[in-house]
């Protein structure tokens, strides 16, 4: 069974991504950190006890990497946008074996004292035009427990794709907030904030 873990807003630079999300939601993002394996860095926003939002970008101060980065950051251009959703699983190897081809290989990762395993596609692209979730298996603590509660909650996530029915059937997710809708590939999140519902796309 998949469980929604977090949403990823990709950006050409971390500062640009943070400014975009803070303007859209009207709240300040919390701290984040660096991912040595991918030479990326992030800032986080808690969405309650089970979910969070991540703004992520290539870290220009980090060394280059010989592999493709997650979330297609190597080819990212344009304004910041919601590019990916990430689901946690209890057994990453089993989940990847049952997932569509191209969902990635299991990679051991760390940031500070956080440890996790994640399915990372070799070309950075996830199935269904990146609308299939990236899969993660946490090993111990998760960021959700450490992020300040600023009164934001995910109200709805629309996963749009021409093959929405097939995609929804493959994602074993019992979460009424997530809807698979026919349309052009993309994600749309409605987030309840202290200022009312706001949308990230």
N, C-alpha and C. Protein backbone atom coordinates (compact mmCIF):
# COMPACT_ATOMS: atom_id res chain seq x y z
N UNK A 1 0.84 -1.20 0.00
CA UNK A 1 0.00 0.00 0.00
C UNK A 1 0.87 1.24 0.00
N UNK A 2 0.56 2.16 -0.90
CA UNK A 2 1.26 3.44 -0.93
C UNK A 2 0.60 4.40 0.06
N UNK A 3 1.41 5.29 0.63
CA UNK A 3 0.90 6.39 1.45
C UNK A 3 1.53 7.68 0.93
N UNK A 4 0.72 8.71 0.75
CA UNK A 4 1.26 9.99 0.31
C UNK A 4 2.25 10.51 1.33
N UNK A 5 3.45 10.85 0.88
CA UNK A 5 4.50 11.31 1.79
C UNK A 5 4.76 12.80 1.61
N UNK A 6 5.08 13.21 0.38
CA UNK A 6 5.30 14.64 0.18
C UNK A 6 5.16 15.02 -1.29
N UNK A 7 5.13 16.33 -1.51
CA UNK A 7 5.04 16.92 -2.84
C UNK A 7 6.34 17.65 -3.14
N UNK A 8 6.73 17.66 -4.41
CA UNK A 8 7.97 18.33 -4.80
C UNK A 8 7.69 19.44 -5.79
N UNK A 9 8.11 20.64 -5.44
CA UNK A 9 8.10 21.79 -6.35
C UNK A 9 9.52 21.98 -6.83
N UNK A 10 9.74 21.80 -8.13
CA UNK A 10 11.07 21.97 -8.70
C UNK A 10 11.28 23.41 -9.15
N UNK A 11 12.54 23.83 -9.14
CA UNK A 11 12.85 25.21 -9.51
C UNK A 11 14.25 25.29 -10.11
N UNK A 12 14.48 26.31 -10.92
CA UNK A 12 15.81 26.53 -11.48
C UNK A 12 16.80 26.94 -10.40
N UNK A 13 16.32 27.61 -9.36
CA UNK A 13 17.15 27.93 -8.20
C UNK A 13 16.29 27.81 -6.95
N UNK A 14 16.93 27.48 -5.85
CA UNK A 14 16.17 27.29 -4.61
C UNK A 14 15.50 28.60 -4.18
N UNK A 15 16.20 29.71 -4.32
CA UNK A 15 15.62 31.00 -3.92
C UNK A 15 14.37 31.31 -4.73
N UNK A 16 14.41 31.02 -6.02
CA UNK A 16 13.24 31.28 -6.86
C UNK A 16 12.07 30.38 -6.47
N UNK A 17 12.37 29.12 -6.18
CA UNK A 17 11.31 28.20 -5.77
C UNK A 17 10.69 28.59 -4.45
N UNK A 18 11.51 28.97 -3.50
CA UNK A 18 10.99 29.38 -2.19
C UNK A 18 10.11 30.63 -2.32
N UNK A 19 10.56 31.60 -3.08
CA UNK A 19 9.78 32.82 -3.27
C UNK A 19 8.43 32.51 -3.92
N UNK A 20 8.44 31.60 -4.88
CA UNK A 20 7.20 31.23 -5.57
C UNK A 20 6.20 30.60 -4.61
N UNK A 21 6.64 29.64 -3.82
CA UNK A 21 5.73 28.94 -2.92
C UNK A 21 5.26 29.85 -1.79
N UNK A 22 6.16 30.66 -1.25
CA UNK A 22 5.76 31.55 -0.17
C UNK A 22 4.74 32.58 -0.65
N UNK A 23 4.90 33.05 -1.87
CA UNK A 23 3.92 34.00 -2.42
C UNK A 23 2.59 33.31 -2.68
N UNK A 24 2.63 32.09 -3.17
CA UNK A 24 1.40 31.37 -3.49
C UNK A 24 0.62 30.99 -2.24
N UNK A 25 1.31 30.60 -1.18
CA UNK A 25 0.63 30.09 0.01
C UNK A 25 0.52 31.12 1.13
N UNK A 26 1.33 32.15 1.10
CA UNK A 26 1.27 33.17 2.14
C UNK A 26 1.86 32.75 3.46
N UNK A 27 2.74 31.76 3.45
CA UNK A 27 3.42 31.30 4.67
C UNK A 27 4.90 31.14 4.36
N UNK A 28 5.72 31.17 5.42
CA UNK A 28 7.15 31.02 5.25
C UNK A 28 7.54 29.55 5.30
N UNK A 29 8.45 29.16 4.41
CA UNK A 29 8.97 27.79 4.43
C UNK A 29 9.95 27.61 5.57
N UNK A 30 10.05 26.38 6.02
CA UNK A 30 11.01 26.04 7.05
C UNK A 30 12.37 25.69 6.44
N UNK A 31 13.28 25.24 7.28
CA UNK A 31 14.61 24.89 6.77
C UNK A 31 14.58 23.60 5.97
N UNK A 32 15.68 23.32 5.34
CA UNK A 32 15.84 22.08 4.59
C UNK A 32 17.27 21.60 4.72
N UNK A 33 17.88 21.26 3.61
CA UNK A 33 19.25 20.79 3.66
C UNK A 33 19.76 20.44 2.29
N UNK A 34 20.83 19.66 2.26
CA UNK A 34 21.49 19.29 1.01
C UNK A 34 21.47 17.78 0.82
N UNK A 35 21.41 17.36 -0.45
CA UNK A 35 21.45 15.94 -0.80
C UNK A 35 22.77 15.70 -1.54
N UNK A 36 23.72 15.09 -0.87
CA UNK A 36 25.05 14.93 -1.46
C UNK A 36 25.02 14.07 -2.71
N UNK A 37 24.23 13.00 -2.72
CA UNK A 37 24.23 12.08 -3.85
C UNK A 37 23.74 12.74 -5.13
N UNK A 38 22.80 13.67 -4.99
CA UNK A 38 22.21 14.33 -6.15
C UNK A 38 22.73 15.74 -6.39
N UNK A 39 23.53 16.26 -5.44
CA UNK A 39 23.97 17.66 -5.51
C UNK A 39 22.78 18.60 -5.68
N UNK A 40 21.76 18.37 -4.86
CA UNK A 40 20.59 19.24 -4.82
C UNK A 40 20.41 19.76 -3.40
N UNK A 41 19.57 20.76 -3.24
CA UNK A 41 19.23 21.24 -1.91
C UNK A 41 17.75 21.62 -1.88
N UNK A 42 17.20 21.75 -0.66
CA UNK A 42 15.76 21.96 -0.55
C UNK A 42 15.40 22.81 0.65
N UNK A 43 14.14 23.21 0.67
CA UNK A 43 13.48 23.82 1.81
C UNK A 43 12.13 23.13 1.96
N UNK A 44 11.65 23.04 3.19
CA UNK A 44 10.47 22.23 3.46
C UNK A 44 9.36 23.04 4.13
N UNK A 45 8.13 22.54 3.93
CA UNK A 45 6.95 23.12 4.58
C UNK A 45 6.10 21.98 5.10
N UNK A 46 5.83 21.96 6.39
CA UNK A 46 4.99 20.92 6.97
C UNK A 46 3.54 21.07 6.55
N UNK A 47 2.93 19.94 6.23
CA UNK A 47 1.50 19.92 5.89
C UNK A 47 0.74 19.03 6.87
N UNK A 48 1.17 19.04 8.11
CA UNK A 48 0.54 18.20 9.11
C UNK A 48 1.43 17.02 9.48
N UNK A 49 0.90 16.09 10.26
CA UNK A 49 1.75 15.03 10.80
C UNK A 49 2.21 13.99 9.79
N UNK A 50 1.57 13.91 8.62
CA UNK A 50 1.92 12.84 7.68
C UNK A 50 2.50 13.33 6.36
N UNK A 51 2.34 14.61 6.02
CA UNK A 51 2.74 15.10 4.70
C UNK A 51 3.62 16.34 4.83
N UNK A 52 4.34 16.63 3.76
CA UNK A 52 5.06 17.91 3.69
C UNK A 52 5.27 18.29 2.24
N UNK A 53 5.71 19.52 2.05
CA UNK A 53 6.02 20.06 0.73
C UNK A 53 7.51 20.36 0.68
N UNK A 54 8.11 20.00 -0.44
CA UNK A 54 9.54 20.23 -0.64
C UNK A 54 9.75 21.12 -1.85
N UNK A 55 10.55 22.17 -1.69
CA UNK A 55 11.04 22.94 -2.83
C UNK A 55 12.47 22.48 -3.08
N UNK A 56 12.76 22.06 -4.32
CA UNK A 56 14.06 21.44 -4.58
C UNK A 56 14.67 22.03 -5.86
N UNK A 57 15.99 22.13 -5.86
CA UNK A 57 16.72 22.66 -7.01
C UNK A 57 18.14 22.11 -6.98
N UNK A 58 18.82 22.20 -8.10
CA UNK A 58 20.23 21.84 -8.15
C UNK A 58 21.01 22.82 -7.28
N UNK A 59 21.95 22.30 -6.52
CA UNK A 59 22.79 23.13 -5.66
C UNK A 59 24.02 23.58 -6.44
N UNK A 60 24.11 24.86 -6.80
CA UNK A 60 25.24 25.30 -7.62
C UNK A 60 26.58 25.23 -6.89
N UNK A 61 26.55 25.12 -5.56
CA UNK A 61 27.79 25.05 -4.79
C UNK A 61 28.30 23.63 -4.62
N UNK A 62 27.51 22.65 -5.07
CA UNK A 62 27.88 21.25 -4.91
C UNK A 62 28.59 20.74 -6.15
N UNK A 63 29.39 19.69 -6.01
CA UNK A 63 30.08 19.16 -7.19
C UNK A 63 29.12 18.55 -8.19
N UNK A 64 29.49 18.50 -9.47
CA UNK A 64 28.62 17.86 -10.47
C UNK A 64 28.50 16.36 -10.20
N UNK A 65 27.44 15.77 -10.73
CA UNK A 65 27.23 14.33 -10.56
C UNK A 65 27.28 13.66 -11.92
N UNK A 66 27.62 12.36 -11.90
CA UNK A 66 27.76 11.61 -13.15
C UNK A 66 26.48 10.92 -13.56
N UNK A 67 25.43 11.03 -12.73
CA UNK A 67 24.16 10.38 -13.03
C UNK A 67 23.07 11.44 -13.16
N UNK A 68 21.94 11.02 -13.69
CA UNK A 68 20.80 11.93 -13.82
C UNK A 68 20.19 12.18 -12.46
N UNK A 69 19.80 13.43 -12.20
CA UNK A 69 19.18 13.76 -10.94
C UNK A 69 17.69 13.39 -10.95
N UNK A 70 17.14 13.28 -9.76
CA UNK A 70 15.72 13.00 -9.64
C UNK A 70 14.89 14.19 -10.13
N UNK A 71 13.62 13.90 -10.41
CA UNK A 71 12.63 14.91 -10.80
C UNK A 71 13.01 15.68 -12.06
N UNK A 72 13.89 15.07 -12.87
CA UNK A 72 14.31 15.68 -14.14
C UNK A 72 14.90 17.08 -13.95
N UNK A 73 15.58 17.29 -12.84
CA UNK A 73 16.13 18.61 -12.56
C UNK A 73 17.22 19.00 -13.55
N UNK A 74 17.89 18.01 -14.17
CA UNK A 74 18.94 18.34 -15.13
C UNK A 74 18.40 19.05 -16.35
N UNK A 75 17.13 18.87 -16.64
CA UNK A 75 16.55 19.51 -17.82
C UNK A 75 15.48 20.53 -17.45
N UNK A 76 15.41 20.90 -16.18
CA UNK A 76 14.37 21.82 -15.75
C UNK A 76 14.62 23.22 -16.30
N UNK A 77 13.53 23.87 -16.72
CA UNK A 77 13.59 25.27 -17.13
C UNK A 77 12.23 25.90 -16.89
N UNK A 78 12.19 27.21 -16.90
CA UNK A 78 10.93 27.91 -16.69
C UNK A 78 10.68 28.21 -15.23
N UNK A 79 9.48 28.69 -14.92
CA UNK A 79 9.17 29.06 -13.54
C UNK A 79 9.03 27.84 -12.65
N UNK A 80 9.12 28.02 -11.33
CA UNK A 80 8.93 26.90 -10.41
C UNK A 80 7.54 26.29 -10.59
N UNK A 81 7.46 25.00 -10.39
CA UNK A 81 6.16 24.33 -10.53
C UNK A 81 6.15 23.00 -9.80
N UNK A 82 4.96 22.55 -9.50
CA UNK A 82 4.75 21.26 -8.86
C UNK A 82 5.02 20.16 -9.89
N UNK A 83 6.08 19.40 -9.69
CA UNK A 83 6.49 18.42 -10.70
C UNK A 83 6.28 16.98 -10.29
N UNK A 84 6.30 16.70 -8.99
CA UNK A 84 6.28 15.29 -8.56
C UNK A 84 5.56 15.12 -7.24
N UNK A 85 5.08 13.90 -7.05
CA UNK A 85 4.57 13.50 -5.74
C UNK A 85 5.29 12.22 -5.35
N UNK A 86 5.46 12.06 -4.05
CA UNK A 86 6.26 10.97 -3.52
C UNK A 86 5.42 10.19 -2.53
N UNK A 87 5.41 8.87 -2.68
CA UNK A 87 4.65 8.00 -1.79
C UNK A 87 5.60 7.10 -1.02
N UNK A 88 5.33 6.92 0.26
CA UNK A 88 6.15 6.01 1.06
C UNK A 88 5.55 4.61 1.02
N UNK A 89 6.45 3.65 1.13
CA UNK A 89 6.08 2.24 1.12
C UNK A 89 6.84 1.54 2.23
N UNK A 90 6.35 0.38 2.64
CA UNK A 90 7.02 -0.38 3.69
C UNK A 90 8.16 -1.24 3.18
N UNK A 91 8.09 -1.65 1.91
CA UNK A 91 9.11 -2.51 1.31
C UNK A 91 9.39 -1.98 -0.09
N UNK A 92 10.46 -1.20 -0.21
CA UNK A 92 10.74 -0.53 -1.48
C UNK A 92 11.03 -1.53 -2.60
N UNK A 93 11.80 -2.56 -2.31
CA UNK A 93 12.14 -3.54 -3.34
C UNK A 93 10.88 -4.19 -3.91
N UNK A 94 9.97 -4.58 -3.04
CA UNK A 94 8.73 -5.21 -3.49
C UNK A 94 7.87 -4.22 -4.27
N UNK A 95 7.80 -2.97 -3.80
CA UNK A 95 6.99 -1.97 -4.48
C UNK A 95 7.54 -1.68 -5.87
N UNK A 96 8.85 -1.58 -6.01
CA UNK A 96 9.45 -1.32 -7.31
C UNK A 96 9.26 -2.51 -8.25
N UNK A 97 9.30 -3.71 -7.71
CA UNK A 97 9.09 -4.90 -8.55
C UNK A 97 7.69 -4.93 -9.13
N UNK A 98 6.73 -4.40 -8.40
CA UNK A 98 5.34 -4.39 -8.86
C UNK A 98 4.98 -3.13 -9.64
N UNK A 99 5.84 -2.13 -9.60
CA UNK A 99 5.56 -0.84 -10.24
C UNK A 99 5.85 -0.92 -11.74
N UNK A 100 5.34 0.06 -12.51
CA UNK A 100 5.62 0.08 -13.94
C UNK A 100 7.12 0.18 -14.22
N UNK A 101 7.53 -0.33 -15.37
CA UNK A 101 8.93 -0.22 -15.78
C UNK A 101 9.35 1.24 -15.80
N UNK A 102 10.56 1.49 -15.32
CA UNK A 102 11.06 2.85 -15.28
C UNK A 102 10.84 3.56 -13.96
N UNK A 103 10.30 2.85 -12.97
CA UNK A 103 10.05 3.48 -11.67
C UNK A 103 11.32 3.65 -10.85
N UNK A 104 12.41 3.04 -11.30
CA UNK A 104 13.70 3.30 -10.67
C UNK A 104 14.28 2.10 -9.96
N UNK A 105 15.52 2.28 -9.56
CA UNK A 105 16.20 1.28 -8.74
C UNK A 105 16.33 1.83 -7.33
N UNK A 106 16.41 0.96 -6.36
CA UNK A 106 16.51 1.38 -4.96
C UNK A 106 17.89 1.96 -4.68
N UNK A 107 17.91 3.18 -4.16
CA UNK A 107 19.16 3.86 -3.83
C UNK A 107 19.11 4.26 -2.36
N UNK A 108 20.19 3.98 -1.63
CA UNK A 108 20.29 4.38 -0.23
C UNK A 108 20.74 5.83 -0.16
N UNK A 109 20.00 6.64 0.61
CA UNK A 109 20.25 8.07 0.67
C UNK A 109 20.26 8.56 2.12
N UNK A 110 20.85 9.73 2.32
CA UNK A 110 20.91 10.31 3.66
C UNK A 110 21.01 11.82 3.55
N UNK A 111 20.46 12.50 4.55
CA UNK A 111 20.63 13.95 4.70
C UNK A 111 20.67 14.21 6.19
N UNK A 112 21.83 14.61 6.69
CA UNK A 112 21.97 14.74 8.14
C UNK A 112 21.76 13.39 8.80
N UNK A 113 20.87 13.36 9.79
CA UNK A 113 20.59 12.08 10.45
C UNK A 113 19.39 11.35 9.86
N UNK A 114 18.84 11.87 8.77
CA UNK A 114 17.73 11.19 8.09
C UNK A 114 18.28 10.13 7.14
N UNK A 115 17.64 8.98 7.12
CA UNK A 115 18.05 7.88 6.25
C UNK A 115 16.83 7.37 5.52
N UNK A 116 16.98 7.14 4.22
CA UNK A 116 15.86 6.59 3.45
C UNK A 116 16.38 5.89 2.21
N UNK A 117 15.50 5.11 1.60
CA UNK A 117 15.78 4.48 0.32
C UNK A 117 14.72 4.99 -0.66
N UNK A 118 15.14 5.18 -1.90
CA UNK A 118 14.21 5.76 -2.86
C UNK A 118 14.41 5.12 -4.23
N UNK A 119 13.31 4.98 -4.95
CA UNK A 119 13.38 4.50 -6.32
C UNK A 119 13.79 5.64 -7.23
N UNK A 120 14.97 5.54 -7.83
CA UNK A 120 15.51 6.62 -8.66
C UNK A 120 15.66 6.10 -10.09
N UNK A 121 14.89 6.64 -11.04
CA UNK A 121 15.04 6.22 -12.44
C UNK A 121 16.40 6.62 -12.98
N UNK A 122 16.99 5.78 -13.82
CA UNK A 122 18.31 6.08 -14.36
C UNK A 122 18.31 7.31 -15.25
N UNK A 123 17.18 7.60 -15.89
CA UNK A 123 17.11 8.78 -16.75
C UNK A 123 16.39 9.95 -16.08
N UNK A 124 16.05 9.80 -14.81
CA UNK A 124 15.38 10.87 -14.07
C UNK A 124 13.89 10.99 -14.34
N UNK A 125 13.36 10.18 -15.26
CA UNK A 125 11.96 10.29 -15.66
C UNK A 125 11.14 9.16 -15.04
N UNK A 126 10.01 9.51 -14.47
CA UNK A 126 9.11 8.52 -13.90
C UNK A 126 8.03 8.15 -14.90
N UNK A 127 7.42 6.96 -14.75
CA UNK A 127 6.38 6.53 -15.69
C UNK A 127 5.19 7.49 -15.74
N UNK A 128 4.40 7.35 -16.79
CA UNK A 128 3.21 8.16 -17.00
C UNK A 128 3.56 9.65 -17.00
N UNK A 129 4.63 9.98 -17.76
CA UNK A 129 5.02 11.40 -17.91
C UNK A 129 5.26 12.07 -16.56
N UNK A 130 5.91 11.35 -15.67
CA UNK A 130 6.25 11.82 -14.31
C UNK A 130 5.03 11.92 -13.39
N UNK A 131 3.90 11.39 -13.80
CA UNK A 131 2.71 11.41 -12.94
C UNK A 131 2.62 10.20 -12.02
N UNK A 132 3.41 9.16 -12.29
CA UNK A 132 3.51 8.06 -11.33
C UNK A 132 4.36 8.55 -10.17
N UNK A 133 3.99 8.22 -8.93
CA UNK A 133 4.75 8.77 -7.79
C UNK A 133 6.14 8.15 -7.67
N UNK A 134 7.09 8.95 -7.23
CA UNK A 134 8.36 8.41 -6.78
C UNK A 134 8.11 7.65 -5.48
N UNK A 135 8.84 6.57 -5.27
CA UNK A 135 8.60 5.70 -4.11
C UNK A 135 9.75 5.83 -3.13
N UNK A 136 9.39 5.92 -1.85
CA UNK A 136 10.38 6.14 -0.80
C UNK A 136 10.10 5.21 0.37
N UNK A 137 11.16 4.72 0.99
CA UNK A 137 11.06 3.92 2.21
C UNK A 137 11.94 4.58 3.27
N UNK A 138 11.31 5.18 4.26
CA UNK A 138 12.06 5.84 5.33
C UNK A 138 12.64 4.79 6.27
N UNK A 139 13.80 5.11 6.79
CA UNK A 139 14.45 4.22 7.76
C UNK A 139 14.66 5.02 9.04
N UNK A 140 13.63 4.99 9.87
CA UNK A 140 13.69 5.77 11.10
C UNK A 140 12.89 7.05 10.98
N UNK A 141 13.48 8.15 11.48
CA UNK A 141 12.77 9.44 11.55
C UNK A 141 12.39 9.95 10.17
N UNK A 142 11.28 10.70 10.12
CA UNK A 142 10.84 11.35 8.88
C UNK A 142 10.77 12.86 9.14
N UNK A 143 10.95 13.66 8.09
CA UNK A 143 10.94 15.12 8.27
C UNK A 143 9.63 15.65 8.84
N UNK A 144 8.52 14.98 8.52
CA UNK A 144 7.22 15.46 8.96
C UNK A 144 7.18 15.75 10.45
N UNK A 145 7.83 14.91 11.22
CA UNK A 145 7.77 15.03 12.68
C UNK A 145 8.56 16.23 13.20
N UNK A 146 9.39 16.82 12.36
CA UNK A 146 10.28 17.89 12.82
C UNK A 146 9.87 19.27 12.31
N UNK A 147 8.91 19.30 11.40
CA UNK A 147 8.56 20.58 10.79
C UNK A 147 7.52 21.33 11.61
N UNK A 148 7.67 22.64 11.68
CA UNK A 148 6.72 23.45 12.41
C UNK A 148 5.34 23.38 11.75
N UNK A 149 4.31 23.42 12.57
CA UNK A 149 2.94 23.44 12.05
C UNK A 149 2.53 24.90 11.83
N UNK A 150 2.45 25.30 10.57
CA UNK A 150 2.08 26.68 10.24
C UNK A 150 0.63 26.76 9.76
N UNK A 151 -0.12 25.70 10.01
CA UNK A 151 -1.55 25.72 9.69
C UNK A 151 -1.89 25.36 8.26
N UNK A 152 -0.97 24.69 7.55
CA UNK A 152 -1.25 24.28 6.17
C UNK A 152 -1.54 22.79 6.11
N UNK A 153 -2.49 22.42 5.26
CA UNK A 153 -2.84 21.02 5.05
C UNK A 153 -3.16 20.80 3.59
N UNK A 154 -2.77 19.65 3.06
CA UNK A 154 -3.16 19.30 1.70
C UNK A 154 -4.64 18.95 1.70
N UNK A 155 -5.42 19.67 0.89
CA UNK A 155 -6.85 19.40 0.78
C UNK A 155 -7.15 18.46 -0.38
N UNK A 156 -6.40 18.62 -1.49
CA UNK A 156 -6.67 17.79 -2.67
C UNK A 156 -5.44 17.80 -3.58
N UNK A 157 -5.14 16.65 -4.13
CA UNK A 157 -4.11 16.54 -5.15
C UNK A 157 -4.74 15.91 -6.38
N UNK A 158 -4.73 16.66 -7.47
CA UNK A 158 -5.24 16.14 -8.74
C UNK A 158 -4.05 15.69 -9.59
N UNK A 159 -4.08 14.42 -9.94
CA UNK A 159 -3.08 13.85 -10.83
C UNK A 159 -3.74 13.70 -12.19
N UNK A 160 -3.35 14.54 -13.13
CA UNK A 160 -3.98 14.56 -14.45
C UNK A 160 -3.12 13.82 -15.46
N UNK A 161 -3.77 12.97 -16.26
CA UNK A 161 -3.05 12.23 -17.29
C UNK A 161 -4.06 11.65 -18.28
N UNK A 162 -3.70 11.54 -19.57
CA UNK A 162 -4.63 10.93 -20.52
C UNK A 162 -5.04 9.51 -20.15
N UNK A 163 -4.15 8.80 -19.46
CA UNK A 163 -4.45 7.44 -19.00
C UNK A 163 -4.69 7.42 -17.50
N UNK A 164 -5.52 8.35 -17.05
CA UNK A 164 -5.75 8.51 -15.61
C UNK A 164 -6.29 7.24 -14.96
N UNK A 165 -7.19 6.55 -15.62
CA UNK A 165 -7.78 5.35 -15.02
C UNK A 165 -6.73 4.27 -14.83
N UNK A 166 -5.88 4.07 -15.84
CA UNK A 166 -4.83 3.07 -15.73
C UNK A 166 -3.82 3.44 -14.66
N UNK A 167 -3.48 4.72 -14.59
CA UNK A 167 -2.55 5.20 -13.57
C UNK A 167 -3.12 4.99 -12.18
N UNK A 168 -4.38 5.37 -11.99
CA UNK A 168 -5.00 5.20 -10.69
C UNK A 168 -5.07 3.75 -10.25
N UNK A 169 -5.27 2.84 -11.22
CA UNK A 169 -5.35 1.42 -10.89
C UNK A 169 -4.00 0.87 -10.44
N UNK A 170 -2.91 1.46 -10.93
CA UNK A 170 -1.58 1.00 -10.55
C UNK A 170 -1.12 1.54 -9.21
N UNK A 171 -1.67 2.66 -8.80
CA UNK A 171 -1.26 3.28 -7.55
C UNK A 171 -2.16 2.78 -6.42
N UNK A 172 -1.62 1.94 -5.59
CA UNK A 172 -2.40 1.37 -4.48
C UNK A 172 -2.45 2.40 -3.35
N UNK A 173 -3.39 3.33 -3.47
CA UNK A 173 -3.44 4.47 -2.54
C UNK A 173 -4.86 4.66 -2.04
N UNK A 174 -5.04 4.52 -0.75
CA UNK A 174 -6.35 4.75 -0.15
C UNK A 174 -6.33 6.12 0.52
N UNK A 175 -6.42 7.16 -0.28
CA UNK A 175 -6.36 8.53 0.23
C UNK A 175 -7.40 9.35 -0.51
N UNK A 176 -8.48 9.75 0.16
CA UNK A 176 -9.55 10.47 -0.53
C UNK A 176 -9.13 11.83 -1.06
N UNK A 177 -7.99 12.33 -0.65
CA UNK A 177 -7.53 13.63 -1.13
C UNK A 177 -6.95 13.56 -2.54
N UNK A 178 -6.59 12.37 -2.98
CA UNK A 178 -5.91 12.20 -4.27
C UNK A 178 -6.91 11.75 -5.32
N UNK A 179 -6.97 12.49 -6.43
CA UNK A 179 -7.89 12.19 -7.52
C UNK A 179 -7.10 12.07 -8.81
N UNK A 180 -7.42 11.05 -9.59
CA UNK A 180 -6.81 10.85 -10.91
C UNK A 180 -7.82 11.30 -11.95
N UNK A 181 -7.46 12.29 -12.74
CA UNK A 181 -8.42 12.91 -13.65
C UNK A 181 -7.85 12.89 -15.07
N UNK A 182 -8.70 12.66 -16.08
CA UNK A 182 -8.21 12.68 -17.46
C UNK A 182 -7.79 14.09 -17.88
N UNK A 183 -6.73 14.17 -18.64
CA UNK A 183 -6.26 15.47 -19.12
C UNK A 183 -4.79 15.42 -19.45
N UNK A 184 -4.23 16.58 -19.74
CA UNK A 184 -2.80 16.67 -20.02
C UNK A 184 -2.01 16.31 -18.76
N UNK A 185 -0.83 15.69 -18.91
CA UNK A 185 -0.06 15.29 -17.72
C UNK A 185 0.27 16.48 -16.83
N UNK A 186 0.04 16.32 -15.55
CA UNK A 186 0.36 17.39 -14.61
C UNK A 186 -0.22 17.14 -13.24
N UNK A 187 0.21 17.96 -12.28
CA UNK A 187 -0.25 17.87 -10.91
C UNK A 187 -0.83 19.22 -10.48
N UNK A 188 -1.84 19.16 -9.63
CA UNK A 188 -2.45 20.38 -9.10
C UNK A 188 -2.82 20.12 -7.64
N UNK A 189 -2.23 20.88 -6.74
CA UNK A 189 -2.47 20.69 -5.31
C UNK A 189 -3.25 21.86 -4.75
N UNK A 190 -4.33 21.56 -4.05
CA UNK A 190 -5.07 22.58 -3.30
C UNK A 190 -4.66 22.45 -1.84
N UNK A 191 -4.15 23.52 -1.29
CA UNK A 191 -3.63 23.50 0.07
C UNK A 191 -4.41 24.48 0.93
N UNK A 192 -4.96 23.97 2.01
CA UNK A 192 -5.65 24.83 2.97
C UNK A 192 -4.60 25.56 3.81
N UNK A 193 -4.67 26.89 3.82
CA UNK A 193 -3.71 27.71 4.56
C UNK A 193 -4.48 28.61 5.53
N UNK A 194 -3.78 29.31 6.41
CA UNK A 194 -4.46 30.28 7.28
C UNK A 194 -5.17 31.38 6.50
N UNK A 195 -4.86 31.52 5.21
CA UNK A 195 -5.47 32.55 4.36
C UNK A 195 -6.51 31.97 3.43
N UNK A 196 -6.93 30.73 3.66
CA UNK A 196 -7.88 30.08 2.77
C UNK A 196 -7.18 29.09 1.86
N UNK A 197 -7.95 28.48 0.98
CA UNK A 197 -7.38 27.52 0.05
C UNK A 197 -6.53 28.21 -1.01
N UNK A 198 -5.35 27.67 -1.23
CA UNK A 198 -4.45 28.17 -2.26
C UNK A 198 -4.06 26.99 -3.18
N UNK A 199 -3.68 27.29 -4.41
CA UNK A 199 -3.39 26.25 -5.39
C UNK A 199 -1.94 26.34 -5.85
N UNK A 200 -1.32 25.19 -5.94
CA UNK A 200 0.02 25.06 -6.54
C UNK A 200 -0.09 24.14 -7.73
N UNK A 201 0.50 24.55 -8.84
CA UNK A 201 0.50 23.73 -10.06
C UNK A 201 1.92 23.64 -10.59
